[in-house]
Protein backbone atom coordinates (compact mmCIF):
# COMPACT_ATOMS: atom_id res chain seq x y z
CA MET A 1 -77.09 -125.52 -67.75
CA ALA A 2 -73.77 -123.23 -66.78
CA GLN A 3 -73.85 -120.20 -64.85
CA VAL A 4 -73.81 -117.37 -66.88
CA PHE A 5 -72.24 -115.03 -64.07
CA ASP A 6 -69.93 -116.00 -61.17
CA ARG A 7 -71.37 -115.92 -57.48
CA SER A 8 -68.65 -113.01 -57.02
CA SER A 9 -70.81 -111.02 -59.78
CA ASN A 10 -73.01 -109.93 -57.22
CA ALA A 11 -70.56 -108.26 -54.66
CA LEU A 12 -69.48 -106.55 -57.93
CA ALA A 13 -73.27 -105.59 -58.70
CA ARG A 14 -73.41 -104.01 -55.06
CA ALA A 15 -69.95 -102.55 -55.11
CA SER A 16 -70.42 -100.56 -58.64
CA LEU A 17 -73.82 -99.31 -57.30
CA VAL A 18 -72.22 -98.06 -54.22
CA LEU A 19 -69.41 -96.61 -56.25
CA THR A 20 -71.84 -95.21 -58.72
CA GLY A 21 -73.93 -93.18 -55.97
CA LEU A 22 -70.07 -91.65 -54.36
CA ILE A 23 -69.06 -90.61 -58.01
CA VAL A 24 -72.57 -89.07 -58.59
CA ILE A 25 -71.86 -87.60 -54.96
CA ALA A 26 -68.42 -86.42 -54.93
CA LEU A 27 -69.69 -84.59 -58.70
CA GLY A 28 -72.50 -82.36 -56.89
CA VAL A 29 -69.89 -81.45 -54.33
CA ALA A 30 -67.18 -80.30 -56.67
CA LEU A 31 -70.02 -78.74 -59.03
CA ASN A 32 -71.31 -76.56 -56.26
CA SER A 33 -67.77 -75.78 -55.17
CA LEU A 34 -66.99 -74.78 -58.45
CA GLN A 35 -70.04 -72.46 -58.72
CA ARG A 36 -69.65 -70.90 -55.42
CA SER A 37 -65.57 -70.40 -56.08
CA PRO A 38 -64.21 -66.82 -57.52
CA TRP A 39 -63.55 -68.41 -60.92
CA VAL A 40 -66.99 -68.04 -61.13
CA THR A 41 -68.41 -65.46 -58.77
CA LYS A 42 -65.11 -63.01 -59.58
CA GLN A 43 -65.01 -62.52 -55.53
CA GLY A 44 -61.61 -60.79 -54.38
CA GLN A 45 -60.60 -60.27 -58.35
CA ARG A 46 -59.38 -57.24 -59.48
CA PRO A 47 -59.61 -56.46 -63.02
CA ASP A 48 -57.28 -54.30 -65.09
CA GLN A 49 -58.93 -50.88 -65.54
CA PRO A 50 -57.92 -48.84 -68.17
CA VAL A 51 -56.79 -46.02 -65.13
CA PRO A 52 -55.54 -48.15 -61.80
CA PHE A 53 -57.78 -45.53 -59.77
CA SER A 54 -57.78 -45.95 -56.00
CA HIS A 55 -60.71 -45.69 -53.81
CA LYS A 56 -57.94 -45.78 -50.56
CA HIS A 57 -56.34 -42.67 -51.89
CA HIS A 58 -59.32 -40.88 -52.93
CA VAL A 59 -61.32 -41.65 -50.04
CA GLU A 60 -58.82 -42.23 -47.19
CA GLY A 61 -56.42 -40.47 -48.37
CA LEU A 62 -58.24 -36.84 -49.66
CA GLY A 63 -61.08 -37.47 -47.92
CA LEU A 64 -63.77 -37.45 -50.97
CA GLN A 65 -67.35 -38.93 -50.31
CA CYS A 66 -69.07 -41.81 -51.77
CA GLN A 67 -71.36 -39.11 -53.45
CA TYR A 68 -69.23 -36.88 -55.35
CA CYS A 69 -68.42 -39.46 -57.85
CA HIS A 70 -71.70 -41.44 -57.44
CA VAL A 71 -74.16 -39.16 -57.68
CA SER A 72 -76.88 -40.85 -58.21
CA VAL A 73 -76.62 -43.68 -55.72
CA GLU A 74 -79.22 -41.94 -53.24
CA LYS A 75 -82.07 -41.08 -56.17
CA SER A 76 -81.71 -44.06 -58.53
CA SER A 77 -81.27 -47.72 -59.55
CA TYR A 78 -78.06 -47.22 -60.08
CA ALA A 79 -74.82 -45.64 -58.60
CA GLY A 80 -73.60 -44.45 -61.74
CA ILE A 81 -69.99 -44.33 -63.15
CA PRO A 82 -68.60 -40.77 -62.96
CA PRO A 83 -67.89 -38.73 -66.11
CA THR A 84 -64.96 -37.50 -67.32
CA LYS A 85 -65.72 -34.35 -66.40
CA THR A 86 -65.24 -35.30 -62.49
CA CYS A 87 -61.95 -36.37 -62.80
CA MET A 88 -60.97 -33.16 -64.84
CA ASN A 89 -62.24 -30.87 -61.70
CA CYS A 90 -58.79 -32.08 -60.17
CA HIS A 91 -56.82 -33.53 -62.86
CA SER A 92 -56.91 -30.14 -64.67
CA GLN A 93 -54.61 -28.67 -61.75
CA ILE A 94 -52.91 -31.94 -60.30
CA TRP A 95 -51.41 -34.51 -62.03
CA THR A 96 -51.64 -33.01 -65.35
CA ASP A 97 -49.03 -34.64 -67.07
CA ALA A 98 -48.93 -38.01 -65.33
CA GLN A 99 -48.52 -40.37 -67.75
CA LEU A 100 -51.00 -43.07 -65.93
CA LEU A 101 -54.45 -40.54 -66.69
CA GLU A 102 -53.33 -40.10 -69.92
CA PRO A 103 -56.82 -42.37 -70.51
CA VAL A 104 -58.62 -39.36 -68.51
CA ARG A 105 -57.16 -36.58 -70.55
CA HIS A 106 -57.69 -38.36 -74.08
CA SER A 107 -61.52 -39.08 -73.01
CA TRP A 108 -61.80 -35.40 -71.91
CA ALA A 109 -60.23 -34.21 -75.22
CA THR A 110 -62.20 -36.38 -77.81
CA GLY A 111 -65.36 -37.07 -75.58
CA GLU A 112 -65.24 -40.95 -75.79
CA SER A 113 -66.03 -42.89 -72.56
CA ILE A 114 -63.22 -44.37 -70.28
CA ASN A 115 -63.76 -48.07 -70.88
CA TRP A 116 -63.94 -49.09 -67.23
CA ILE A 117 -64.49 -52.87 -66.80
CA ARG A 118 -67.66 -53.03 -64.38
CA VAL A 119 -66.46 -55.09 -60.84
CA HIS A 120 -70.14 -55.81 -59.13
CA ASP A 121 -71.96 -57.40 -62.11
CA LEU A 122 -75.21 -58.66 -61.49
CA PRO A 123 -77.22 -60.95 -63.43
CA ASP A 124 -79.12 -59.39 -66.39
CA TYR A 125 -82.22 -60.99 -64.92
CA VAL A 126 -81.73 -59.38 -61.26
CA TYR A 127 -83.01 -56.14 -60.48
CA PHE A 128 -81.40 -54.46 -57.78
CA ASN A 129 -82.16 -50.71 -56.60
CA HIS A 130 -79.43 -48.58 -54.60
CA GLU A 131 -81.62 -46.13 -54.19
CA ILE A 132 -84.27 -48.26 -51.97
CA HIS A 133 -80.89 -50.14 -49.86
CA VAL A 134 -79.47 -46.37 -49.26
CA ASN A 135 -82.62 -45.03 -48.09
CA LYS A 136 -83.61 -47.69 -45.68
CA GLY A 137 -80.36 -48.18 -43.73
CA ILE A 138 -78.27 -50.03 -45.66
CA GLY A 139 -74.48 -48.66 -45.72
CA CYS A 140 -72.20 -48.69 -48.74
CA ALA A 141 -69.95 -50.93 -47.03
CA SER A 142 -72.32 -53.86 -45.68
CA CYS A 143 -72.11 -55.11 -49.87
CA HIS A 144 -69.03 -53.24 -51.18
CA GLY A 145 -66.76 -54.17 -47.96
CA ARG A 146 -64.16 -51.67 -46.97
CA VAL A 147 -64.37 -49.43 -50.15
CA ASP A 148 -61.65 -46.66 -48.24
CA GLU A 149 -59.02 -49.20 -47.97
CA MET A 150 -58.97 -50.82 -51.35
CA PRO A 151 -55.83 -49.30 -53.40
CA LEU A 152 -57.96 -51.17 -56.25
CA MET A 153 -61.41 -52.28 -56.89
CA TYR A 154 -62.40 -55.84 -56.27
CA GLN A 155 -66.00 -57.84 -55.17
CA GLN A 156 -65.51 -57.86 -51.75
CA ASN A 157 -68.59 -60.39 -51.52
CA THR A 158 -70.24 -63.39 -53.69
CA LEU A 159 -73.33 -61.21 -55.06
CA GLN A 160 -74.96 -64.56 -55.48
CA MET A 161 -78.65 -65.29 -54.63
CA GLU A 162 -77.69 -66.86 -51.43
CA TRP A 163 -75.73 -64.25 -50.23
CA CYS A 164 -78.71 -61.53 -51.07
CA LEU A 165 -81.35 -63.97 -48.97
CA ASN A 166 -78.86 -63.96 -46.02
CA CYS A 167 -79.37 -60.46 -45.52
CA HIS A 168 -83.10 -60.12 -46.83
CA ARG A 169 -84.00 -62.99 -43.92
CA ASN A 170 -82.55 -60.73 -40.93
CA PRO A 171 -81.96 -57.08 -42.33
CA GLY A 172 -81.43 -56.01 -38.93
CA VAL A 173 -77.96 -57.16 -38.70
CA ASN A 174 -77.12 -55.00 -41.60
CA LEU A 175 -79.43 -51.65 -40.61
CA ARG A 176 -77.79 -48.32 -39.63
CA PRO A 177 -78.64 -44.81 -38.79
CA ALA A 178 -79.01 -42.88 -42.16
CA SER A 179 -75.66 -40.51 -40.66
CA GLU A 180 -73.97 -43.31 -40.84
CA ILE A 181 -74.64 -44.84 -44.58
CA TYR A 182 -71.40 -43.45 -45.74
CA ASN A 183 -69.19 -44.52 -42.49
CA MET A 184 -67.06 -46.86 -43.81
CA ALA A 185 -65.63 -47.68 -40.22
CA TRP A 186 -68.93 -48.13 -38.64
CA ALA A 187 -69.61 -51.34 -36.66
CA GLY A 188 -72.94 -50.85 -34.78
CA PRO A 189 -73.90 -50.28 -30.98
CA SER A 190 -72.12 -51.81 -28.43
CA SER A 191 -71.78 -51.96 -24.37
CA ASP A 192 -68.67 -50.03 -24.60
CA LYS A 193 -70.19 -47.63 -27.55
CA PRO A 194 -73.76 -47.44 -26.94
CA VAL A 195 -76.05 -45.31 -29.61
CA TRP A 196 -78.83 -43.41 -28.51
CA CYS A 197 -81.75 -43.06 -31.55
CA THR A 198 -85.43 -41.31 -31.29
CA THR A 199 -87.79 -40.24 -34.54
CA THR A 200 -87.80 -36.98 -35.76
CA GLY A 201 -91.02 -37.17 -37.48
CA LYS A 202 -89.74 -35.57 -40.86
CA GLY A 203 -90.85 -36.84 -44.26
CA GLY A 204 -89.03 -37.88 -47.72
CA PRO A 205 -86.64 -40.83 -47.65
CA THR A 206 -87.60 -43.37 -44.62
CA ALA A 207 -83.92 -43.63 -43.29
CA GLN A 208 -84.69 -39.64 -42.48
CA GLY A 209 -86.87 -39.98 -39.84
CA VAL A 210 -84.50 -41.38 -37.31
CA SER A 211 -82.01 -39.06 -35.63
CA CYS A 212 -79.09 -40.97 -33.45
CA VAL A 213 -76.16 -39.60 -31.59
CA THR A 214 -73.33 -41.04 -30.29
CA LYS A 215 -73.08 -39.45 -26.92
CA ASP A 216 -75.91 -39.63 -24.07
CA PRO A 217 -78.86 -36.78 -25.06
CA ASN A 218 -79.63 -36.46 -21.39
CA ASN A 219 -75.78 -34.50 -21.15
CA SER A 220 -75.05 -31.54 -22.86
CA ASN A 221 -74.03 -31.17 -26.42
CA PRO A 222 -74.83 -34.39 -27.80
CA GLU A 223 -73.06 -35.31 -30.49
CA VAL A 224 -74.65 -36.31 -33.69
CA ALA A 225 -73.93 -39.37 -35.11
CA GLN A 226 -72.95 -38.28 -39.08
CA VAL A 227 -70.71 -35.03 -40.45
CA GLU A 228 -72.86 -32.17 -41.63
CA ALA A 229 -73.61 -32.23 -44.95
CA PRO A 230 -72.90 -29.01 -47.57
CA GLN A 231 -74.38 -28.74 -50.65
CA SER A 232 -74.48 -31.15 -52.96
CA GLY A 233 -71.62 -31.06 -55.84
CA ALA A 234 -69.35 -29.65 -53.35
CA LEU A 235 -65.61 -30.32 -53.24
CA PRO A 236 -63.56 -31.76 -50.10
CA GLY A 237 -62.17 -28.52 -48.70
CA ALA A 238 -58.31 -27.34 -48.65
CA SER A 239 -58.02 -29.15 -45.21
CA GLY A 240 -58.20 -32.54 -46.80
CA GLN A 241 -61.04 -33.22 -44.42
CA SER A 242 -63.83 -35.47 -45.49
CA GLN A 243 -66.96 -34.14 -46.17
CA VAL A 244 -70.31 -35.73 -47.17
CA VAL A 245 -71.65 -34.68 -50.44
CA SER A 246 -75.51 -35.72 -50.77
CA ASP A 247 -78.58 -34.58 -51.74
CA ALA A 248 -80.29 -35.88 -48.26
CA PRO A 249 -81.05 -33.36 -45.79
CA ALA A 250 -78.04 -33.00 -42.59
CA MET A 251 -79.86 -34.12 -39.21
CA THR A 252 -79.26 -32.05 -36.50
CA ALA A 253 -79.66 -33.16 -32.54
CA MET A 254 -83.08 -33.49 -31.33
CA SER A 255 -84.86 -30.62 -28.88
CA PRO A 256 -83.94 -31.70 -25.39
CA GLY A 257 -87.21 -32.80 -24.86
CA ALA A 258 -87.18 -35.79 -27.80
CA SER A 259 -87.48 -39.31 -26.52
CA TYR A 260 -84.03 -41.05 -27.09
CA GLN A 261 -83.96 -44.77 -26.31
CA ARG A 262 -80.86 -46.46 -25.69
CA PHE A 263 -78.82 -49.12 -27.67
CA THR A 264 -75.65 -51.82 -27.31
CA SER A 265 -75.88 -54.17 -29.06
CA GLN A 266 -76.68 -54.69 -33.35
CA ALA A 267 -79.62 -56.84 -32.70
CA ASP A 268 -81.43 -54.49 -31.05
CA LEU A 269 -80.72 -51.46 -32.49
CA GLY A 270 -81.63 -53.38 -35.91
CA HIS A 271 -85.01 -54.49 -34.59
CA PHE A 272 -85.96 -50.60 -33.53
CA LEU A 273 -85.00 -49.26 -37.32
CA MET A 274 -86.83 -51.90 -39.09
CA ASP A 275 -89.90 -50.76 -37.34
CA LYS A 276 -88.93 -47.00 -37.87
CA TYR A 277 -88.01 -47.79 -41.51
CA HIS A 278 -91.02 -49.82 -42.47
CA ILE A 279 -89.02 -52.70 -43.38
CA ARG A 280 -91.00 -55.49 -44.86
CA THR A 281 -91.26 -58.88 -42.86
CA ALA A 282 -88.88 -61.54 -43.90
CA ASN A 283 -90.74 -63.91 -45.85
CA GLU A 284 -91.64 -60.80 -48.03
CA LEU A 285 -88.17 -59.59 -48.11
CA SER A 286 -87.80 -63.06 -49.49
CA SER A 287 -90.02 -63.50 -52.38
CA CYS A 288 -88.99 -64.15 -55.50
CA GLU A 289 -90.60 -61.27 -56.89
CA VAL A 290 -88.34 -58.84 -54.86
CA CYS A 291 -85.49 -59.16 -57.35
CA HIS A 292 -87.19 -61.05 -60.22
CA ARG A 293 -89.47 -58.69 -62.03
């Protein structure tokens, strides 16, 4: 009986199996790249907002502090969107006829909310709490990037679970003194710019239990690494200088008898703050129940 398949069919069968495997691998790599791409994560995209609000102009140019608009960032699970009244505190007196601010004036006159497009939008199954991150020493720029340099707001990071877990596995690299939470330019201590920290013994938010200075406390007049905070809700001064608008108590220089520890690297400072802020271990922080309830 004649053979149904030629001898070359064996080689073709092997080649087809190898080709099928390569196609499966290539498809997996392509899908993995797709789900990490800005097309899915929306990283770097600038949505068209009803009003082209510039953080660069308001934060870097005018000196508005984060908490003036995002009033609930220190005491709520969400940072909050400012009501129209916050905008009209200034724009009832300046730029009163600007066409680009017409949606703001319409909202103020009618009571209708401005339909802002959310830039940082996590899935509904993820529970993210702004309060715990801010009060445990995570700065705004660690998640949102240099907002003070953004003419139009965009998503700096992917916000995917892998990105969150990278921080939860080693939170020390992002921890900073409470006085530097809203400092967008904070780069951590270095050999050229060391930081001295000590405990305060204060209650309240964990991060308030540590005080840090940027000049050697053994010398006179140590400079506390923060701007003094006026009462919550204050507007920037006429000079245009940045002022902290916060419900957290302002930290002052410690007494000369306080024991300060010198740090010249973010790694060492991070380990110190993890202990003083009572940050959970990496295994505990990486547990699924931290985000998924």
